């Protein structure tokens, strides 16, 4: 029983480390995208944002992807492009 608990704790620690890594990757991408947008002139920003949003609309997921997941992705993309972090 102790071995099972120890194995579960090790797996939990591995998952937590993977989660931290993913959070760091997402935050790094947010910073990069925000910096790039700030370097662009307003018309170029708007054109890029329109292109990304259009591509996202055209790439609608198939029925295997839950609608909530697709909506969540759209919300995050919109937040990142339209309301970048300060």
PDB file of N, CA and C in Angstrom:
ATOM      1  N   UNK A   1       0.830  -1.194   0.000  1.00  0.00           N
ATOM      2  CA  UNK A   1       0.000   0.000   0.000  1.00  0.00           C
ATOM      3  C   UNK A   1       0.872   1.255   0.000  1.00  0.00           C
ATOM      4  N   UNK A   2       1.944   1.229   0.800  1.00  0.00           N
ATOM      5  CA  UNK A   2       2.843   2.376   0.856  1.00  0.00           C
ATOM      6  C   UNK A   2       3.494   2.633  -0.503  1.00  0.00           C
ATOM      7  N   UNK A   3       3.829   1.548  -1.193  1.00  0.00           N
ATOM      8  CA  UNK A   3       4.433   1.686  -2.521  1.00  0.00           C
ATOM      9  C   UNK A   3       3.462   2.339  -3.501  1.00  0.00           C
ATOM     10  N   UNK A   4       2.213   1.942  -3.429  1.00  0.00           N
ATOM     11  CA  UNK A   4       1.188   2.507  -4.312  1.00  0.00           C
ATOM     12  C   UNK A   4       1.037   4.005  -4.054  1.00  0.00           C
ATOM     13  N   UNK A   5       0.983   4.375  -2.798  1.00  0.00           N
ATOM     14  CA  UNK A   5       0.848   5.793  -2.437  1.00  0.00           C
ATOM     15  C   UNK A   5       2.086   6.563  -2.904  1.00  0.00           C
ATOM     16  N   UNK A   6       3.255   5.978  -2.719  1.00  0.00           N
ATOM     17  CA  UNK A   6       4.497   6.629  -3.143  1.00  0.00           C
ATOM     18  C   UNK A   6       4.500   6.828  -4.669  1.00  0.00           C
ATOM     19  N   UNK A   7       4.071   5.812  -5.402  1.00  0.00           N
ATOM     20  CA  UNK A   7       4.005   5.918  -6.861  1.00  0.00           C
ATOM     21  C   UNK A   7       3.017   7.002  -7.285  1.00  0.00           C
ATOM     22  N   UNK A   8       1.882   7.040  -6.631  1.00  0.00           N
ATOM     23  CA  UNK A   8       0.890   8.062  -6.952  1.00  0.00           C
ATOM     24  C   UNK A   8       1.420   9.470  -6.676  1.00  0.00           C
ATOM     25  N   UNK A   9       2.136   9.626  -5.579  1.00  0.00           N
ATOM     26  CA  UNK A   9       2.720  10.929  -5.249  1.00  0.00           C
ATOM     27  C   UNK A   9       3.766  11.351  -6.279  1.00  0.00           C
ATOM     28  N   UNK A  10       4.557  10.394  -6.743  1.00  0.00           N
ATOM     29  CA  UNK A  10       5.562  10.686  -7.774  1.00  0.00           C
ATOM     30  C   UNK A  10       4.865  11.111  -9.070  1.00  0.00           C
ATOM     31  N   UNK A  11       3.830  10.396  -9.456  1.00  0.00           N
ATOM     32  CA  UNK A  11       3.091  10.752 -10.673  1.00  0.00           C
ATOM     33  C   UNK A  11       2.431  12.114 -10.540  1.00  0.00           C
ATOM     34  N   UNK A  12       1.891  12.398  -9.381  1.00  0.00           N
ATOM     35  CA  UNK A  12       1.276  13.694  -9.128  1.00  0.00           C
ATOM     36  C   UNK A  12       2.308  14.810  -9.234  1.00  0.00           C
ATOM     37  N   UNK A  13       3.480  14.592  -8.690  1.00  0.00           N
ATOM     38  CA  UNK A  13       4.562  15.588  -8.774  1.00  0.00           C
ATOM     39  C   UNK A  13       4.985  15.811 -10.221  1.00  0.00           C
ATOM     40  N   UNK A  14       5.030  14.736 -11.019  1.00  0.00           N
ATOM     41  CA  UNK A  14       5.385  14.858 -12.432  1.00  0.00           C
ATOM     42  C   UNK A  14       4.336  15.677 -13.187  1.00  0.00           C
ATOM     43  N   UNK A  15       3.078  15.413 -12.908  1.00  0.00           N
ATOM     44  CA  UNK A  15       1.991  16.151 -13.561  1.00  0.00           C
ATOM     45  C   UNK A  15       2.033  17.625 -13.186  1.00  0.00           C
ATOM     46  N   UNK A  16       2.336  17.892 -11.931  1.00  0.00           N
ATOM     47  CA  UNK A  16       2.419  19.288 -11.479  1.00  0.00           C
ATOM     48  C   UNK A  16       3.560  20.006 -12.194  1.00  0.00           C
ATOM     49  N   UNK A  17       4.676  19.323 -12.374  1.00  0.00           N
ATOM     50  CA  UNK A  17       5.822  19.910 -13.072  1.00  0.00           C
ATOM     51  C   UNK A  17       5.464  20.180 -14.535  1.00  0.00           C
ATOM     52  N   UNK A  18       4.777  19.247 -15.174  1.00  0.00           N
ATOM     53  CA  UNK A  18       4.341  19.439 -16.555  1.00  0.00           C
ATOM     54  C   UNK A  18       3.395  20.631 -16.658  1.00  0.00           C
ATOM     55  N   UNK A  19       2.516  20.751 -15.696  1.00  0.00           N
ATOM     56  CA  UNK A  19       1.567  21.854 -15.673  1.00  0.00           C
ATOM     57  C   UNK A  19       2.291  23.190 -15.542  1.00  0.00           C
ATOM     58  N   UNK A  20       3.272  23.251 -14.675  1.00  0.00           N
ATOM     59  CA  UNK A  20       4.059  24.479 -14.499  1.00  0.00           C
ATOM     60  C   UNK A  20       4.769  24.852 -15.790  1.00  0.00           C
ATOM     61  N   UNK A  21       5.278  23.848 -16.482  1.00  0.00           N
ATOM     62  CA  UNK A  21       5.971  24.071 -17.744  1.00  0.00           C
ATOM     63  C   UNK A  21       5.017  24.663 -18.785  1.00  0.00           C
ATOM     64  N   UNK A  22       3.822  24.108 -18.862  1.00  0.00           N
ATOM     65  CA  UNK A  22       2.837  24.615 -19.819  1.00  0.00           C
ATOM     66  C   UNK A  22       2.429  26.046 -19.490  1.00  0.00           C
ATOM     67  N   UNK A  23       2.253  26.360 -18.225  1.00  0.00           N
ATOM     68  CA  UNK A  23       1.909  27.715 -17.816  1.00  0.00           C
ATOM     69  C   UNK A  23       3.021  28.678 -18.225  1.00  0.00           C
ATOM     70  N   UNK A  24       4.267  28.287 -18.017  1.00  0.00           N
ATOM     71  CA  UNK A  24       5.399  29.135 -18.388  1.00  0.00           C
ATOM     72  C   UNK A  24       5.434  29.354 -19.899  1.00  0.00           C
ATOM     73  N   UNK A  25       5.153  28.316 -20.676  1.00  0.00           N
ATOM     74  CA  UNK A  25       5.138  28.446 -22.137  1.00  0.00           C
ATOM     75  C   UNK A  25       4.049  29.413 -22.587  1.00  0.00           C
ATOM     76  N   UNK A  26       2.872  29.291 -22.014  1.00  0.00           N
ATOM     77  CA  UNK A  26       1.758  30.160 -22.378  1.00  0.00           C
ATOM     78  C   UNK A  26       2.073  31.604 -22.015  1.00  0.00           C
ATOM     79  N   UNK A  27       2.612  31.818 -20.834  1.00  0.00           N
ATOM     80  CA  UNK A  27       2.949  33.173 -20.413  1.00  0.00           C
ATOM     81  C   UNK A  27       4.031  33.772 -21.304  1.00  0.00           C
ATOM     82  N   UNK A  28       5.010  32.970 -21.691  1.00  0.00           N
ATOM     83  CA  UNK A  28       6.060  33.456 -22.588  1.00  0.00           C
ATOM     84  C   UNK A  28       5.469  33.857 -23.939  1.00  0.00           C
ATOM     85  N   UNK A  29       4.573  33.043 -24.456  1.00  0.00           N
ATOM     86  CA  UNK A  29       3.933  33.376 -25.730  1.00  0.00           C
ATOM     87  C   UNK A  29       3.097  34.645 -25.622  1.00  0.00           C
ATOM     88  N   UNK A  30       2.412  34.811 -24.504  1.00  0.00           N
ATOM     89  CA  UNK A  30       1.637  36.039 -24.271  1.00  0.00           C
ATOM     90  C   UNK A  30       2.530  37.263 -24.320  1.00  0.00           C
ATOM     91  N   UNK A  31       3.661  37.182 -23.654  1.00  0.00           N
ATOM     92  CA  UNK A  31       4.596  38.305 -23.619  1.00  0.00           C
ATOM     93  C   UNK A  31       5.116  38.616 -25.017  1.00  0.00           C
ATOM     94  N   UNK A  32       5.472  37.590 -25.777  1.00  0.00           N
ATOM     95  CA  UNK A  32       6.000  37.782 -27.124  1.00  0.00           C
ATOM     96  C   UNK A  32       4.944  38.404 -28.035  1.00  0.00           C
ATOM     97  N   UNK A  33       3.734  37.863 -28.011  1.00  0.00           N
ATOM     98  CA  UNK A  33       2.666  38.397 -28.865  1.00  0.00           C
ATOM     99  C   UNK A  33       2.355  39.839 -28.499  1.00  0.00           C
ATOM    100  N   UNK A  34       2.279  40.130 -27.217  1.00  0.00           N
ATOM    101  CA  UNK A  34       2.008  41.496 -26.773  1.00  0.00           C
ATOM    102  C   UNK A  34       3.101  42.448 -27.249  1.00  0.00           C
ATOM    103  N   UNK A  35       4.350  42.047 -27.101  1.00  0.00           N
ATOM    104  CA  UNK A  35       5.466  42.888 -27.535  1.00  0.00           C
ATOM    105  C   UNK A  35       5.418  43.119 -29.041  1.00  0.00           C
ATOM    106  N   UNK A  36       5.122  42.067 -29.792  1.00  0.00           N
ATOM    107  CA  UNK A  36       5.034  42.215 -31.253  1.00  0.00           C
ATOM    108  C   UNK A  36       3.895  43.153 -31.650  1.00  0.00           C
ATOM    109  N   UNK A  37       2.755  43.005 -31.025  1.00  0.00           N
ATOM    110  CA  UNK A  37       1.619  43.881 -31.337  1.00  0.00           C
ATOM    111  C   UNK A  37       1.941  45.340 -31.028  1.00  0.00           C
ATOM    112  N   UNK A  38       2.640  45.563 -29.934  1.00  0.00           N
ATOM    113  CA  UNK A  38       2.971  46.945 -29.552  1.00  0.00           C
ATOM    114  C   UNK A  38       3.952  47.597 -30.511  1.00  0.00           C
ATOM    115  N   UNK A  39       4.730  46.783 -31.222  1.00  0.00           N
ATOM    116  CA  UNK A  39       5.697  47.320 -32.173  1.00  0.00           C
ATOM    117  C   UNK A  39       5.065  47.646 -33.525  1.00  0.00           C
ATOM    118  N   UNK A  40       3.855  47.203 -33.729  1.00  0.00           N
ATOM    119  CA  UNK A  40       3.181  47.398 -35.014  1.00  0.00           C
ATOM    120  C   UNK A  40       2.356  48.675 -34.995  1.00  0.00           C
ATOM    121  N   UNK A  41       2.250  49.287 -36.174  1.00  0.00           N
ATOM    122  CA  UNK A  41       1.355  50.434 -36.313  1.00  0.00           C
ATOM    123  C   UNK A  41      -0.079  49.942 -36.168  1.00  0.00           C
ATOM    124  N   UNK A  42      -0.965  50.842 -35.761  1.00  0.00           N
ATOM    125  CA  UNK A  42      -2.363  50.470 -35.504  1.00  0.00           C
ATOM    126  C   UNK A  42      -3.021  49.771 -36.703  1.00  0.00           C
ATOM    127  N   UNK A  43      -2.877  50.291 -37.930  1.00  0.00           N
ATOM    128  CA  UNK A  43      -3.511  49.585 -39.069  1.00  0.00           C
ATOM    129  C   UNK A  43      -2.967  48.168 -39.275  1.00  0.00           C
ATOM    130  N   UNK A  44      -1.662  48.006 -39.042  1.00  0.00           N
ATOM    131  CA  UNK A  44      -1.065  46.673 -39.177  1.00  0.00           C
ATOM    132  C   UNK A  44      -1.577  45.741 -38.081  1.00  0.00           C
ATOM    133  N   UNK A  45      -1.712  46.275 -36.862  1.00  0.00           N
ATOM    134  CA  UNK A  45      -2.270  45.487 -35.756  1.00  0.00           C
ATOM    135  C   UNK A  45      -3.650  44.988 -36.117  1.00  0.00           C
ATOM    136  N   UNK A  46      -4.500  45.907 -36.569  1.00  0.00           N
ATOM    137  CA  UNK A  46      -5.884  45.546 -36.897  1.00  0.00           C
ATOM    138  C   UNK A  46      -5.935  44.506 -38.010  1.00  0.00           C
ATOM    139  N   UNK A  47      -5.079  44.671 -39.028  1.00  0.00           N
ATOM    140  CA  UNK A  47      -5.050  43.700 -40.125  1.00  0.00           C
ATOM    141  C   UNK A  47      -4.641  42.322 -39.618  1.00  0.00           C
ATOM    142  N   UNK A  48      -3.620  42.280 -38.766  1.00  0.00           N
ATOM    143  CA  UNK A  48      -3.170  41.005 -38.205  1.00  0.00           C
ATOM    144  C   UNK A  48      -4.262  40.361 -37.360  1.00  0.00           C
ATOM    145  N   UNK A  49      -4.880  41.154 -36.503  1.00  0.00           N
ATOM    146  CA  UNK A  49      -5.940  40.640 -35.637  1.00  0.00           C
ATOM    147  C   UNK A  49      -7.099  40.106 -36.475  1.00  0.00           C
ATOM    148  N   UNK A  50      -7.500  40.851 -37.489  1.00  0.00           N
ATOM    149  CA  UNK A  50      -8.577  40.396 -38.372  1.00  0.00           C
ATOM    150  C   UNK A  50      -8.211  39.088 -39.066  1.00  0.00           C
ATOM    151  N   UNK A  51      -6.950  38.977 -39.510  1.00  0.00           N
ATOM    152  CA  UNK A  51      -6.506  37.747 -40.173  1.00  0.00           C
ATOM    153  C   UNK A  51      -6.531  36.554 -39.221  1.00  0.00           C
ATOM    154  N   UNK A  52      -6.062  36.760 -38.008  1.00  0.00           N
ATOM    155  CA  UNK A  52      -6.042  35.663 -37.032  1.00  0.00           C
ATOM    156  C   UNK A  52      -7.462  35.244 -36.679  1.00  0.00           C
ATOM    157  N   UNK A  53      -8.325  36.227 -36.418  1.00  0.00           N
ATOM    158  CA  UNK A  53      -9.716  35.900 -36.082  1.00  0.00           C
ATOM    159  C   UNK A  53     -10.428  35.224 -37.252  1.00  0.00           C
ATOM    160  N   UNK A  54     -10.127  35.671 -38.462  1.00  0.00           N
ATOM    161  CA  UNK A  54     -10.715  35.028 -39.639  1.00  0.00           C
ATOM    162  C   UNK A  54     -10.244  33.599 -39.804  1.00  0.00           C
ATOM    163  N   UNK A  55      -8.960  33.385 -39.589  1.00  0.00           N
ATOM    164  CA  UNK A  55      -8.414  32.026 -39.689  1.00  0.00           C
ATOM    165  C   UNK A  55      -9.019  31.121 -38.631  1.00  0.00           C
ATOM    166  N   UNK A  56      -9.225  31.673 -37.452  1.00  0.00           N
ATOM    167  CA  UNK A  56      -9.831  30.888 -36.376  1.00  0.00           C
ATOM    168  C   UNK A  56     -11.269  30.514 -36.726  1.00  0.00           C
ATOM    169  N   UNK A  57     -11.988  31.439 -37.314  1.00  0.00           N
ATOM    170  CA  UNK A  57     -13.368  31.155 -37.733  1.00  0.00           C
ATOM    171  C   UNK A  57     -13.399  30.074 -38.810  1.00  0.00           C
ATOM    172  N   UNK A  58     -12.467  30.135 -39.755  1.00  0.00           N
ATOM    173  CA  UNK A  58     -12.424  29.166 -40.854  1.00  0.00           C
ATOM    174  C   UNK A  58     -11.955  27.793 -40.411  1.00  0.00           C
ATOM    175  N   UNK A  59     -11.258  27.733 -39.295  1.00  0.00           N
ATOM    176  CA  UNK A  59     -10.724  26.462 -38.806  1.00  0.00           C
ATOM    177  C   UNK A  59     -11.617  25.884 -37.723  1.00  0.00           C
ATOM    178  N   UNK A  60     -12.887  25.944 -37.930  1.00  0.00           N
ATOM    179  CA  UNK A  60     -13.826  25.411 -36.934  1.00  0.00           C
ATOM    180  C   UNK A  60     -13.541  23.928 -36.704  1.00  0.00           C
ATOM    181  N   UNK A  61     -13.507  23.546 -35.441  1.00  0.00           N
ATOM    182  CA  UNK A  61     -13.196  22.141 -35.133  1.00  0.00           C
ATOM    183  C   UNK A  61     -14.345  21.216 -35.538  1.00  0.00           C
ATOM    184  N   UNK A  62     -13.981  19.962 -35.720  1.00  0.00           N
ATOM    185  CA  UNK A  62     -15.015  18.992 -36.059  1.00  0.00           C
ATOM    186  C   UNK A  62     -15.834  18.644 -34.813  1.00  0.00           C
ATOM    187  N   UNK A  63     -16.766  17.760 -34.985  1.00  0.00           N
ATOM    188  CA  UNK A  63     -17.696  17.435 -33.897  1.00  0.00           C
ATOM    189  C   UNK A  63     -17.034  16.698 -32.734  1.00  0.00           C
ATOM    190  N   UNK A  64     -15.798  16.240 -32.913  1.00  0.00           N
ATOM    191  CA  UNK A  64     -15.117  15.529 -31.836  1.00  0.00           C
ATOM    192  C   UNK A  64     -14.615  16.483 -30.753  1.00  0.00           C
ATOM    193  N   UNK A  65     -14.469  17.758 -31.112  1.00  0.00           N
ATOM    194  CA  UNK A  65     -14.004  18.758 -30.145  1.00  0.00           C
ATOM    195  C   UNK A  65     -15.227  19.369 -29.475  1.00  0.00           C
ATOM    196  N   UNK A  66     -15.290  19.319 -28.161  1.00  0.00           N
ATOM    197  CA  UNK A  66     -16.446  19.904 -27.476  1.00  0.00           C
ATOM    198  C   UNK A  66     -16.573  21.404 -27.786  1.00  0.00           C
ATOM    199  N   UNK A  67     -17.804  21.852 -27.947  1.00  0.00           N
ATOM    200  CA  UNK A  67     -18.058  23.256 -28.279  1.00  0.00           C
ATOM    201  C   UNK A  67     -17.484  24.190 -27.218  1.00  0.00           C
ATOM    202  N   UNK A  68     -17.519  23.757 -25.960  1.00  0.00           N
ATOM    203  CA  UNK A  68     -16.983  24.597 -24.881  1.00  0.00           C
ATOM    204  C   UNK A  68     -15.479  24.821 -25.061  1.00  0.00           C
ATOM    205  N   UNK A  69     -14.763  23.789 -25.517  1.00  0.00           N
ATOM    206  CA  UNK A  69     -13.320  23.919 -25.724  1.00  0.00           C
ATOM    207  C   UNK A  69     -13.021  24.898 -26.857  1.00  0.00           C
ATOM    208  N   UNK A  70     -13.783  24.794 -27.938  1.00  0.00           N
ATOM    209  CA  UNK A  70     -13.594  25.702 -29.066  1.00  0.00           C
ATOM    210  C   UNK A  70     -13.895  27.139 -28.650  1.00  0.00           C
ATOM    211  N   UNK A  71     -14.945  27.323 -27.865  1.00  0.00           N
ATOM    212  CA  UNK A  71     -15.315  28.654 -27.381  1.00  0.00           C
ATOM    213  C   UNK A  71     -14.230  29.211 -26.455  1.00  0.00           C
ATOM    214  N   UNK A  72     -13.688  28.377 -25.611  1.00  0.00           N
ATOM    215  CA  UNK A  72     -12.630  28.793 -24.697  1.00  0.00           C
ATOM    216  C   UNK A  72     -11.406  29.261 -25.484  1.00  0.00           C
ATOM    217  N   UNK A  73     -11.043  28.532 -26.519  1.00  0.00           N
ATOM    218  CA  UNK A  73      -9.917  28.916 -27.368  1.00  0.00           C
ATOM    219  C   UNK A  73     -10.174  30.277 -28.012  1.00  0.00           C
ATOM    220  N   UNK A  74     -11.368  30.463 -28.550  1.00  0.00           N
ATOM    221  CA  UNK A  74     -11.708  31.745 -29.166  1.00  0.00           C
ATOM    222  C   UNK A  74     -11.640  32.882 -28.166  1.00  0.00           C
ATOM    223  N   UNK A  75     -12.110  32.661 -26.960  1.00  0.00           N
ATOM    224  CA  UNK A  75     -12.068  33.702 -25.934  1.00  0.00           C
ATOM    225  C   UNK A  75     -10.633  34.084 -25.584  1.00  0.00           C
ATOM    226  N   UNK A  76      -9.761  33.086 -25.453  1.00  0.00           N
ATOM    227  CA  UNK A  76      -8.373  33.374 -25.119  1.00  0.00           C
ATOM    228  C   UNK A  76      -7.659  34.109 -26.254  1.00  0.00           C
ATOM    229  N   UNK A  77      -7.921  33.709 -27.486  1.00  0.00           N
ATOM    230  CA  UNK A  77      -7.305  34.395 -28.623  1.00  0.00           C
ATOM    231  C   UNK A  77      -7.782  35.840 -28.673  1.00  0.00           C
ATOM    232  N   UNK A  78      -9.077  36.045 -28.489  1.00  0.00           N
ATOM    233  CA  UNK A  78      -9.617  37.402 -28.506  1.00  0.00           C
ATOM    234  C   UNK A  78      -9.003  38.234 -27.382  1.00  0.00           C
ATOM    235  N   UNK A  79      -8.910  37.661 -26.201  1.00  0.00           N
ATOM    236  CA  UNK A  79      -8.322  38.374 -25.058  1.00  0.00           C
ATOM    237  C   UNK A  79      -6.876  38.741 -25.354  1.00  0.00           C
ATOM    238  N   UNK A  80      -6.126  37.812 -25.904  1.00  0.00           N
ATOM    239  CA  UNK A  80      -4.716  38.035 -26.190  1.00  0.00           C
ATOM    240  C   UNK A  80      -4.519  39.120 -27.241  1.00  0.00           C
ATOM    241  N   UNK A  81      -5.349  39.123 -28.270  1.00  0.00           N
ATOM    242  CA  UNK A  81      -5.179  40.075 -29.357  1.00  0.00           C
ATOM    243  C   UNK A  81      -5.831  41.423 -29.090  1.00  0.00           C
ATOM    244  N   UNK A  82      -7.011  41.404 -28.528  1.00  0.00           N
ATOM    245  CA  UNK A  82      -7.760  42.640 -28.336  1.00  0.00           C
ATOM    246  C   UNK A  82      -7.452  43.319 -27.009  1.00  0.00           C
ATOM    247  N   UNK A  83      -7.085  42.548 -26.011  1.00  0.00           N
ATOM    248  CA  UNK A  83      -6.810  43.096 -24.684  1.00  0.00           C
ATOM    249  C   UNK A  83      -5.524  42.496 -24.132  1.00  0.00           C
ATOM    250  N   UNK A  84      -4.392  42.810 -24.772  1.00  0.00           N
ATOM    251  CA  UNK A  84      -3.136  42.211 -24.311  1.00  0.00           C
ATOM    252  C   UNK A  84      -2.774  42.701 -22.907  1.00  0.00           C
ATOM    253  N   UNK A  85      -1.954  41.906 -22.238  1.00  0.00           N
ATOM    254  CA  UNK A  85      -1.558  42.265 -20.866  1.00  0.00           C
ATOM    255  C   UNK A  85      -0.777  43.561 -20.882  1.00  0.00           C
ATOM    256  N   UNK A  86      -0.851  44.271 -19.778  1.00  0.00           N
ATOM    257  CA  UNK A  86      -0.197  45.577 -19.658  1.00  0.00           C
ATOM    258  C   UNK A  86       1.282  45.446 -19.399  1.00  0.00           C
TER     259      UNK A  86
END
